[in-house]
PDB file of all heavy atoms in Angstrom:
ATOM      1  N   GLN A   1     -23.838 -14.781  -1.674  1.00  0.00           N
ATOM      2  CA  GLN A   1     -22.872 -15.086  -2.724  1.00  0.00           C
ATOM      3  C   GLN A   1     -21.439 -14.648  -2.444  1.00  0.00           C
ATOM      4  O   GLN A   1     -20.515 -15.231  -3.000  1.00  0.00           O
ATOM      5  CB  GLN A   1     -23.385 -14.408  -4.091  1.00  0.00           C
ATOM      6  CG  GLN A   1     -24.738 -14.876  -4.534  1.00  0.00           C
ATOM      7  CD  GLN A   1     -24.804 -16.361  -4.710  1.00  0.00           C
ATOM      8  OE1 GLN A   1     -23.913 -16.934  -5.326  1.00  0.00           O
ATOM      9  NE2 GLN A   1     -25.883 -17.016  -4.256  1.00  0.00           N
ATOM     10  N   ASN A   2     -21.289 -13.633  -1.625  1.00  0.00           N
ATOM     11  CA  ASN A   2     -19.909 -13.106  -1.380  1.00  0.00           C
ATOM     12  C   ASN A   2     -19.749 -12.647   0.047  1.00  0.00           C
ATOM     13  O   ASN A   2     -20.697 -12.588   0.804  1.00  0.00           O
ATOM     14  CB  ASN A   2     -19.633 -11.969  -2.339  1.00  0.00           C
ATOM     15  CG  ASN A   2     -20.690 -10.858  -2.214  1.00  0.00           C
ATOM     16  OD1 ASN A   2     -20.818 -10.226  -1.181  1.00  0.00           O
ATOM     17  ND2 ASN A   2     -21.380 -10.590  -3.325  1.00  0.00           N
ATOM     18  N   LYS A   3     -18.487 -12.395   0.410  1.00  0.00           N
ATOM     19  CA  LYS A   3     -18.110 -12.034   1.755  1.00  0.00           C
ATOM     20  C   LYS A   3     -18.701 -10.669   2.139  1.00  0.00           C
ATOM     21  O   LYS A   3     -19.008 -10.448   3.294  1.00  0.00           O
ATOM     22  CB  LYS A   3     -16.573 -11.937   1.890  1.00  0.00           C
ATOM     23  CG  LYS A   3     -15.931 -13.312   1.813  1.00  0.00           C
ATOM     24  CD  LYS A   3     -14.438 -13.210   2.033  1.00  0.00           C
ATOM     25  CE  LYS A   3     -13.756 -14.581   1.995  1.00  0.00           C
ATOM     26  NZ  LYS A   3     -12.310 -14.474   2.210  1.00  0.00           N
ATOM     27  N   GLN A   4     -18.876  -9.768   1.168  1.00  0.00           N
ATOM     28  CA  GLN A   4     -19.397  -8.454   1.473  1.00  0.00           C
ATOM     29  C   GLN A   4     -20.841  -8.534   1.999  1.00  0.00           C
ATOM     30  O   GLN A   4     -21.244  -7.862   2.937  1.00  0.00           O
ATOM     31  CB  GLN A   4     -19.353  -7.552   0.254  1.00  0.00           C
ATOM     32  CG  GLN A   4     -19.853  -6.139   0.464  1.00  0.00           C
ATOM     33  CD  GLN A   4     -19.066  -5.395   1.529  1.00  0.00           C
ATOM     34  OE1 GLN A   4     -17.865  -5.643   1.688  1.00  0.00           O
ATOM     35  NE2 GLN A   4     -19.705  -4.505   2.253  1.00  0.00           N
ATOM     36  N   GLN A   5     -21.637  -9.389   1.331  1.00  0.00           N
ATOM     37  CA  GLN A   5     -23.012  -9.611   1.826  1.00  0.00           C
ATOM     38  C   GLN A   5     -23.035 -10.163   3.226  1.00  0.00           C
ATOM     39  O   GLN A   5     -23.830  -9.727   4.065  1.00  0.00           O
ATOM     40  CB  GLN A   5     -23.713 -10.520   0.875  1.00  0.00           C
ATOM     41  CG  GLN A   5     -24.079  -9.964  -0.486  1.00  0.00           C
ATOM     42  CD  GLN A   5     -24.820 -10.976  -1.357  1.00  0.00           C
ATOM     43  OE1 GLN A   5     -24.528 -12.166  -1.377  1.00  0.00           O
ATOM     44  NE2 GLN A   5     -25.789 -10.470  -2.119  1.00  0.00           N
ATOM     45  N   ARG A   6     -22.150 -11.129   3.494  1.00  0.00           N
ATOM     46  CA  ARG A   6     -22.079 -11.678   4.849  1.00  0.00           C
ATOM     47  C   ARG A   6     -21.657 -10.642   5.849  1.00  0.00           C
ATOM     48  O   ARG A   6     -22.164 -10.613   6.953  1.00  0.00           O
ATOM     49  CB  ARG A   6     -21.119 -12.852   4.836  1.00  0.00           C
ATOM     50  CG  ARG A   6     -21.486 -14.058   3.944  1.00  0.00           C
ATOM     51  CD  ARG A   6     -20.571 -15.206   4.191  1.00  0.00           C
ATOM     52  NE  ARG A   6     -20.965 -16.349   3.336  1.00  0.00           N
ATOM     53  CZ  ARG A   6     -20.445 -16.620   2.133  1.00  0.00           C
ATOM     54  NH1 ARG A   6     -19.499 -15.794   1.679  1.00  0.00           N
ATOM     55  NH2 ARG A   6     -20.818 -17.655   1.449  1.00  0.00           N
ATOM     56  N   LYS A   7     -20.723  -9.798   5.463  1.00  0.00           N
ATOM     57  CA  LYS A   7     -20.235  -8.763   6.362  1.00  0.00           C
ATOM     58  C   LYS A   7     -21.339  -7.794   6.768  1.00  0.00           C
ATOM     59  O   LYS A   7     -21.489  -7.425   7.920  1.00  0.00           O
ATOM     60  CB  LYS A   7     -19.099  -8.003   5.718  1.00  0.00           C
ATOM     61  CG  LYS A   7     -18.410  -6.965   6.625  1.00  0.00           C
ATOM     62  CD  LYS A   7     -17.244  -6.305   5.968  1.00  0.00           C
ATOM     63  CE  LYS A   7     -16.566  -5.286   6.836  1.00  0.00           C
ATOM     64  NZ  LYS A   7     -15.392  -4.650   6.161  1.00  0.00           N
ATOM     65  N   VAL A   8     -22.129  -7.370   5.788  1.00  0.00           N
ATOM     66  CA  VAL A   8     -23.250  -6.461   6.033  1.00  0.00           C
ATOM     67  C   VAL A   8     -24.246  -7.127   6.934  1.00  0.00           C
ATOM     68  O   VAL A   8     -24.802  -6.537   7.856  1.00  0.00           O
ATOM     69  CB  VAL A   8     -23.895  -6.026   4.713  1.00  0.00           C
ATOM     70  CG1 VAL A   8     -25.195  -5.251   4.951  1.00  0.00           C
ATOM     71  CG2 VAL A   8     -22.929  -5.168   3.889  1.00  0.00           C
ATOM     72  N   TYR A   9     -24.542  -8.394   6.637  1.00  0.00           N
ATOM     73  CA  TYR A   9     -25.527  -9.138   7.462  1.00  0.00           C
ATOM     74  C   TYR A   9     -25.042  -9.241   8.907  1.00  0.00           C
ATOM     75  O   TYR A   9     -25.850  -9.109   9.847  1.00  0.00           O
ATOM     76  CB  TYR A   9     -25.697 -10.525   6.831  1.00  0.00           C
ATOM     77  CG  TYR A   9     -26.664 -11.405   7.590  1.00  0.00           C
ATOM     78  CD1 TYR A   9     -28.025 -11.098   7.647  1.00  0.00           C
ATOM     79  CD2 TYR A   9     -26.239 -12.592   8.200  1.00  0.00           C
ATOM     80  CE1 TYR A   9     -28.915 -11.919   8.344  1.00  0.00           C
ATOM     81  CE2 TYR A   9     -27.106 -13.432   8.883  1.00  0.00           C
ATOM     82  CZ  TYR A   9     -28.470 -13.061   8.957  1.00  0.00           C
ATOM     83  OH  TYR A   9     -29.306 -13.880   9.633  1.00  0.00           O
ATOM     84  N   VAL A  10     -23.742  -9.535   9.098  1.00  0.00           N
ATOM     85  CA  VAL A  10     -23.210  -9.698  10.421  1.00  0.00           C
ATOM     86  C   VAL A  10     -23.320  -8.349  11.182  1.00  0.00           C
ATOM     87  O   VAL A  10     -23.701  -8.313  12.367  1.00  0.00           O
ATOM     88  CB  VAL A  10     -21.743 -10.134  10.327  1.00  0.00           C
ATOM     89  CG1 VAL A  10     -21.012  -9.879  11.700  1.00  0.00           C
ATOM     90  CG2 VAL A  10     -21.661 -11.623   9.960  1.00  0.00           C
ATOM     91  N   LYS A  11     -22.996  -7.248  10.544  1.00  0.00           N
ATOM     92  CA  LYS A  11     -23.041  -5.965  11.217  1.00  0.00           C
ATOM     93  C   LYS A  11     -24.489  -5.614  11.619  1.00  0.00           C
ATOM     94  O   LYS A  11     -24.762  -5.030  12.672  1.00  0.00           O
ATOM     95  CB  LYS A  11     -22.464  -4.860  10.314  1.00  0.00           C
ATOM     96  CG  LYS A  11     -20.962  -4.916  10.174  1.00  0.00           C
ATOM     97  CD  LYS A  11     -20.429  -3.751   9.395  1.00  0.00           C
ATOM     98  CE  LYS A  11     -18.890  -3.760   9.366  1.00  0.00           C
ATOM     99  NZ  LYS A  11     -18.329  -3.540  10.713  1.00  0.00           N
ATOM    100  N   ARG A  12     -25.430  -5.927  10.724  1.00  0.00           N
ATOM    101  CA  ARG A  12     -26.810  -5.625  11.028  1.00  0.00           C
ATOM    102  C   ARG A  12     -27.288  -6.471  12.270  1.00  0.00           C
ATOM    103  O   ARG A  12     -27.954  -5.950  13.160  1.00  0.00           O
ATOM    104  CB  ARG A  12     -27.700  -6.039   9.820  1.00  0.00           C
ATOM    105  CG  ARG A  12     -29.184  -5.628   9.978  1.00  0.00           C
ATOM    106  CD  ARG A  12     -29.994  -6.048   8.866  1.00  0.00           C
ATOM    107  NE  ARG A  12     -29.464  -5.461   7.570  1.00  0.00           N
ATOM    108  CZ  ARG A  12     -29.090  -6.223   6.551  1.00  0.00           C
ATOM    109  NH1 ARG A  12     -29.151  -7.524   6.602  1.00  0.00           N
ATOM    110  NH2 ARG A  12     -28.670  -5.615   5.449  1.00  0.00           N
ATOM    111  N   THR A  13     -26.824  -7.724  12.279  1.00  0.00           N
ATOM    112  CA  THR A  13     -27.169  -8.584  13.435  1.00  0.00           C
ATOM    113  C   THR A  13     -26.507  -8.048  14.758  1.00  0.00           C
ATOM    114  O   THR A  13     -27.141  -8.009  15.808  1.00  0.00           O
ATOM    115  CB  THR A  13     -26.697  -9.999  13.219  1.00  0.00           C
ATOM    116  OG1 THR A  13     -27.295 -10.492  12.002  1.00  0.00           O
ATOM    117  CG2 THR A  13     -27.086 -10.918  14.377  1.00  0.00           C
ATOM    118  N   GLN A  14     -25.287  -7.555  14.632  1.00  0.00           N
ATOM    119  CA  GLN A  14     -24.601  -7.008  15.792  1.00  0.00           C
ATOM    120  C   GLN A  14     -25.343  -5.795  16.362  1.00  0.00           C
ATOM    121  O   GLN A  14     -25.511  -5.685  17.567  1.00  0.00           O
ATOM    122  CB  GLN A  14     -23.174  -6.579  15.411  1.00  0.00           C
ATOM    123  CG  GLN A  14     -22.404  -6.003  16.555  1.00  0.00           C
ATOM    124  CD  GLN A  14     -20.988  -5.581  16.198  1.00  0.00           C
ATOM    125  OE1 GLN A  14     -20.645  -5.540  15.025  1.00  0.00           O
ATOM    126  NE2 GLN A  14     -20.161  -5.314  17.182  1.00  0.00           N
ATOM    127  N   ARG A  15     -25.783  -4.953  15.471  1.00  0.00           N
ATOM    128  CA  ARG A  15     -26.527  -3.766  15.958  1.00  0.00           C
ATOM    129  C   ARG A  15     -27.826  -4.173  16.666  1.00  0.00           C
ATOM    130  O   ARG A  15     -28.197  -3.594  17.665  1.00  0.00           O
ATOM    131  CB  ARG A  15     -26.834  -2.843  14.755  1.00  0.00           C
ATOM    132  CG  ARG A  15     -25.670  -2.034  14.272  1.00  0.00           C
ATOM    133  CD  ARG A  15     -26.119  -0.875  13.378  1.00  0.00           C
ATOM    134  NE  ARG A  15     -26.756  -1.382  12.165  1.00  0.00           N
ATOM    135  CZ  ARG A  15     -26.171  -1.649  11.025  1.00  0.00           C
ATOM    136  NH1 ARG A  15     -24.836  -1.517  10.915  1.00  0.00           N
ATOM    137  NH2 ARG A  15     -26.857  -2.112   9.992  1.00  0.00           N
ATOM    138  N   TYR A  16     -28.457  -5.194  16.120  1.00  0.00           N
ATOM    139  CA  TYR A  16     -29.709  -5.677  16.720  1.00  0.00           C
ATOM    140  C   TYR A  16     -29.439  -6.174  18.170  1.00  0.00           C
ATOM    141  O   TYR A  16     -30.131  -5.843  19.101  1.00  0.00           O
ATOM    142  CB  TYR A  16     -30.353  -6.762  15.875  1.00  0.00           C
ATOM    143  CG  TYR A  16     -31.553  -7.388  16.514  1.00  0.00           C
ATOM    144  CD1 TYR A  16     -32.816  -6.772  16.376  1.00  0.00           C
ATOM    145  CD2 TYR A  16     -31.455  -8.567  17.230  1.00  0.00           C
ATOM    146  CE1 TYR A  16     -33.937  -7.336  16.981  1.00  0.00           C
ATOM    147  CE2 TYR A  16     -32.551  -9.115  17.861  1.00  0.00           C
ATOM    148  CZ  TYR A  16     -33.764  -8.549  17.697  1.00  0.00           C
ATOM    149  OH  TYR A  16     -34.902  -9.118  18.270  1.00  0.00           O
ATOM    150  N   ILE A  17     -28.426  -7.005  18.284  1.00  0.00           N
ATOM    151  CA  ILE A  17     -28.047  -7.598  19.571  1.00  0.00           C
ATOM    152  C   ILE A  17     -27.698  -6.478  20.581  1.00  0.00           C
ATOM    153  O   ILE A  17     -28.146  -6.476  21.707  1.00  0.00           O
ATOM    154  CB  ILE A  17     -26.883  -8.575  19.434  1.00  0.00           C
ATOM    155  CG1 ILE A  17     -27.259  -9.769  18.621  1.00  0.00           C
ATOM    156  CG2 ILE A  17     -26.387  -9.013  20.817  1.00  0.00           C
ATOM    157  CD1 ILE A  17     -28.341 -10.631  19.225  1.00  0.00           C
ATOM    158  N   GLU A  18     -26.881  -5.521  20.127  1.00  0.00           N
ATOM    159  CA  GLU A  18     -26.462  -4.458  21.050  1.00  0.00           C
ATOM    160  C   GLU A  18     -27.636  -3.609  21.466  1.00  0.00           C
ATOM    161  O   GLU A  18     -27.732  -3.200  22.624  1.00  0.00           O
ATOM    162  CB  GLU A  18     -25.442  -3.578  20.321  1.00  0.00           C
ATOM    163  CG  GLU A  18     -24.101  -4.266  20.080  1.00  0.00           C
ATOM    164  CD  GLU A  18     -23.108  -3.447  19.320  1.00  0.00           C
ATOM    165  OE1 GLU A  18     -23.583  -2.412  18.703  1.00  0.00           O
ATOM    166  OE2 GLU A  18     -21.946  -3.801  19.234  1.00  0.00           O
ATOM    167  N   ASP A  19     -28.564  -3.307  20.546  1.00  0.00           N
ATOM    168  CA  ASP A  19     -29.717  -2.443  20.892  1.00  0.00           C
ATOM    169  C   ASP A  19     -30.656  -3.167  21.805  1.00  0.00           C
ATOM    170  O   ASP A  19     -31.294  -2.510  22.662  1.00  0.00           O
ATOM    171  CB  ASP A  19     -30.429  -2.096  19.600  1.00  0.00           C
ATOM    172  CG  ASP A  19     -29.666  -1.095  18.781  1.00  0.00           C
ATOM    173  OD1 ASP A  19     -28.686  -0.486  19.280  1.00  0.00           O
ATOM    174  OD2 ASP A  19     -30.006  -0.969  17.548  1.00  0.00           O
ATOM    175  N   HIS A  20     -30.801  -4.473  21.719  1.00  0.00           N
ATOM    176  CA  HIS A  20     -31.836  -5.175  22.462  1.00  0.00           C
ATOM    177  C   HIS A  20     -31.375  -5.911  23.700  1.00  0.00           C
ATOM    178  O   HIS A  20     -32.193  -6.211  24.582  1.00  0.00           O
ATOM    179  CB  HIS A  20     -32.577  -6.182  21.559  1.00  0.00           C
ATOM    180  CG  HIS A  20     -33.440  -5.534  20.496  1.00  0.00           C
ATOM    181  ND1 HIS A  20     -32.922  -5.036  19.336  1.00  0.00           N
ATOM    182  CD2 HIS A  20     -34.760  -5.345  20.428  1.00  0.00           C
ATOM    183  CE1 HIS A  20     -33.882  -4.502  18.578  1.00  0.00           C
ATOM    184  NE2 HIS A  20     -35.023  -4.733  19.222  1.00  0.00           N
ATOM    185  N   PHE A  21     -30.078  -6.235  23.772  1.00  0.00           N
ATOM    186  CA  PHE A  21     -29.644  -7.112  24.894  1.00  0.00           C
ATOM    187  C   PHE A  21     -28.495  -6.591  25.673  1.00  0.00           C
ATOM    188  O   PHE A  21     -28.087  -7.283  26.665  1.00  0.00           O
ATOM    189  CB  PHE A  21     -29.344  -8.513  24.298  1.00  0.00           C
ATOM    190  CG  PHE A  21     -30.446  -9.130  23.646  1.00  0.00           C
ATOM    191  CD1 PHE A  21     -30.517  -9.199  22.229  1.00  0.00           C
ATOM    192  CD2 PHE A  21     -31.484  -9.710  24.333  1.00  0.00           C
ATOM    193  CE1 PHE A  21     -31.586  -9.802  21.581  1.00  0.00           C
ATOM    194  CE2 PHE A  21     -32.559 -10.312  23.702  1.00  0.00           C
ATOM    195  CZ  PHE A  21     -32.588 -10.366  22.330  1.00  0.00           C
ATOM    196  N   THR A  22     -27.928  -5.457  25.343  1.00  0.00           N
ATOM    197  CA  THR A  22     -26.723  -4.968  26.098  1.00  0.00           C
ATOM    198  C   THR A  22     -27.034  -4.845  27.598  1.00  0.00           C
ATOM    199  O   THR A  22     -26.263  -5.355  28.426  1.00  0.00           O
ATOM    200  CB  THR A  22     -26.279  -3.627  25.559  1.00  0.00           C
ATOM    201  OG1 THR A  22     -25.863  -3.808  24.194  1.00  0.00           O
ATOM    202  CG2 THR A  22     -25.094  -3.085  26.387  1.00  0.00           C
ATOM    203  N   ASP A  23     -28.055  -4.169  27.930  1.00  0.00           N
ATOM    204  CA  ASP A  23     -28.312  -3.887  29.360  1.00  0.00           C
ATOM    205  C   ASP A  23     -28.563  -5.201  30.147  1.00  0.00           C
ATOM    206  O   ASP A  23     -28.089  -5.352  31.255  1.00  0.00           O
ATOM    207  CB  ASP A  23     -29.578  -2.994  29.528  1.00  0.00           C
ATOM    208  CG  ASP A  23     -29.291  -1.579  29.024  1.00  0.00           C
ATOM    209  OD1 ASP A  23     -28.106  -1.204  28.953  1.00  0.00           O
ATOM    210  OD2 ASP A  23     -30.248  -0.865  28.731  1.00  0.00           O
ATOM    211  N   GLU A  24     -29.274  -6.136  29.523  1.00  0.00           N
ATOM    212  CA  GLU A  24     -29.583  -7.419  30.190  1.00  0.00           C
ATOM    213  C   GLU A  24     -28.307  -8.250  30.381  1.00  0.00           C
ATOM    214  O   GLU A  24     -28.075  -8.807  31.456  1.00  0.00           O
ATOM    215  CB  GLU A  24     -30.597  -8.227  29.385  1.00  0.00           C
ATOM    216  CG  GLU A  24     -32.009  -7.672  29.551  1.00  0.00           C
ATOM    217  CD  GLU A  24     -32.498  -7.713  30.981  1.00  0.00           C
ATOM    218  OE1 GLU A  24     -32.319  -8.743  31.610  1.00  0.00           O
ATOM    219  OE2 GLU A  24     -32.996  -6.674  31.463  1.00  0.00           O
TER     220      GLU A  24
END
């Protein structure tokens, strides 16, 4: 519904990507 929800979702996705794919 709002930008804040999207921002939180984006940050959560970023952490997932960094944790799982940085080294590769």
